[in-house]
Amino acid sequence: MTNAGYIAAGYGITAVALISYVWRVLARGRRITAHVPEERRRWM
């Protein structure tokens, strides 16, 4: 592998990690939202 390959692999791994983290946070937020009463939802 050349240096460009290592750089591309690093960016790829970082992108996958960030996307999976964002997906987990959003999924957890949606799940938790169901437990908050409507009058307490400040973002609505």
C-alpha atoms as a PDB file:
ATOM      1  CA  MET A   1       0.000   0.000   0.000  1.00  0.00           C
ATOM      2  CA  THR A   2       1.281   3.453  -0.784  1.00  0.00           C
ATOM      3  CA  ASN A   3       1.037   6.439   1.499  1.00  0.00           C
ATOM      4  CA  ALA A   4      -2.081   7.536  -0.380  1.00  0.00           C
ATOM      5  CA  GLY A   5      -3.656   4.194   0.476  1.00  0.00           C
ATOM      6  CA  TYR A   6      -2.970   4.648   4.167  1.00  0.00           C
ATOM      7  CA  ILE A   7      -4.394   8.159   4.051  1.00  0.00           C
ATOM      8  CA  ALA A   8      -7.523   6.973   2.222  1.00  0.00           C
ATOM      9  CA  ALA A   9      -7.945   4.117   4.695  1.00  0.00           C
ATOM     10  CA  GLY A  10      -7.606   6.537   7.613  1.00  0.00           C
ATOM     11  CA  TYR A  11     -10.232   8.859   6.177  1.00  0.00           C
ATOM     12  CA  GLY A  12     -12.501   5.903   5.407  1.00  0.00           C
ATOM     13  CA  ILE A  13     -12.261   4.461   8.902  1.00  0.00           C
ATOM     14  CA  THR A  14     -12.846   7.894  10.420  1.00  0.00           C
ATOM     15  CA  ALA A  15     -15.880   8.506   8.200  1.00  0.00           C
ATOM     16  CA  VAL A  16     -17.417   5.139   9.087  1.00  0.00           C
ATOM     17  CA  ALA A  17     -16.833   5.753  12.800  1.00  0.00           C
ATOM     18  CA  LEU A  18     -18.411   9.235  12.667  1.00  0.00           C
ATOM     19  CA  ILE A  19     -21.403   8.088  10.621  1.00  0.00           C
ATOM     20  CA  SER A  20     -22.062   5.159  12.961  1.00  0.00           C
ATOM     21  CA  TYR A  21     -21.774   7.434  16.011  1.00  0.00           C
ATOM     22  CA  VAL A  22     -24.211   9.975  14.545  1.00  0.00           C
ATOM     23  CA  TRP A  23     -26.618   7.182  13.610  1.00  0.00           C
ATOM     24  CA  ARG A  24     -26.521   5.773  17.161  1.00  0.00           C
ATOM     25  CA  VAL A  25     -27.038   9.197  18.762  1.00  0.00           C
ATOM     26  CA  LEU A  26     -29.995  10.015  16.503  1.00  0.00           C
ATOM     27  CA  ALA A  27     -31.572   6.594  17.042  1.00  0.00           C
ATOM     28  CA  ARG A  28     -31.204   6.967  20.810  1.00  0.00           C
ATOM     29  CA  GLY A  29     -32.681  10.462  20.672  1.00  0.00           C
ATOM     30  CA  ARG A  30     -35.716   9.236  18.764  1.00  0.00           C
ATOM     31  CA  ARG A  31     -36.193   6.396  21.237  1.00  0.00           C
ATOM     32  CA  ILE A  32     -35.895   8.705  24.261  1.00  0.00           C
ATOM     33  CA  THR A  33     -38.240  11.284  22.699  1.00  0.00           C
ATOM     34  CA  ALA A  34     -41.125   8.850  23.033  1.00  0.00           C
ATOM     35  CA  HIS A  35     -40.768   8.986  26.839  1.00  0.00           C
ATOM     36  CA  VAL A  36     -40.862  12.793  27.152  1.00  0.00           C
ATOM     37  CA  PRO A  37     -44.331  14.313  27.670  1.00  0.00           C
ATOM     38  CA  GLU A  38     -45.409  16.734  24.923  1.00  0.00           C
ATOM     39  CA  GLU A  39     -45.531  19.747  27.235  1.00  0.00           C
ATOM     40  CA  ARG A  40     -41.852  19.154  28.165  1.00  0.00           C
ATOM     41  CA  ARG A  41     -40.609  18.986  24.559  1.00  0.00           C
ATOM     42  CA  ARG A  42     -38.797  22.284  24.098  1.00  0.00           C
ATOM     43  CA  TRP A  43     -37.652  21.502  20.568  1.00  0.00           C
ATOM     44  CA  MET A  44     -41.166  21.182  19.167  1.00  0.00           C
END
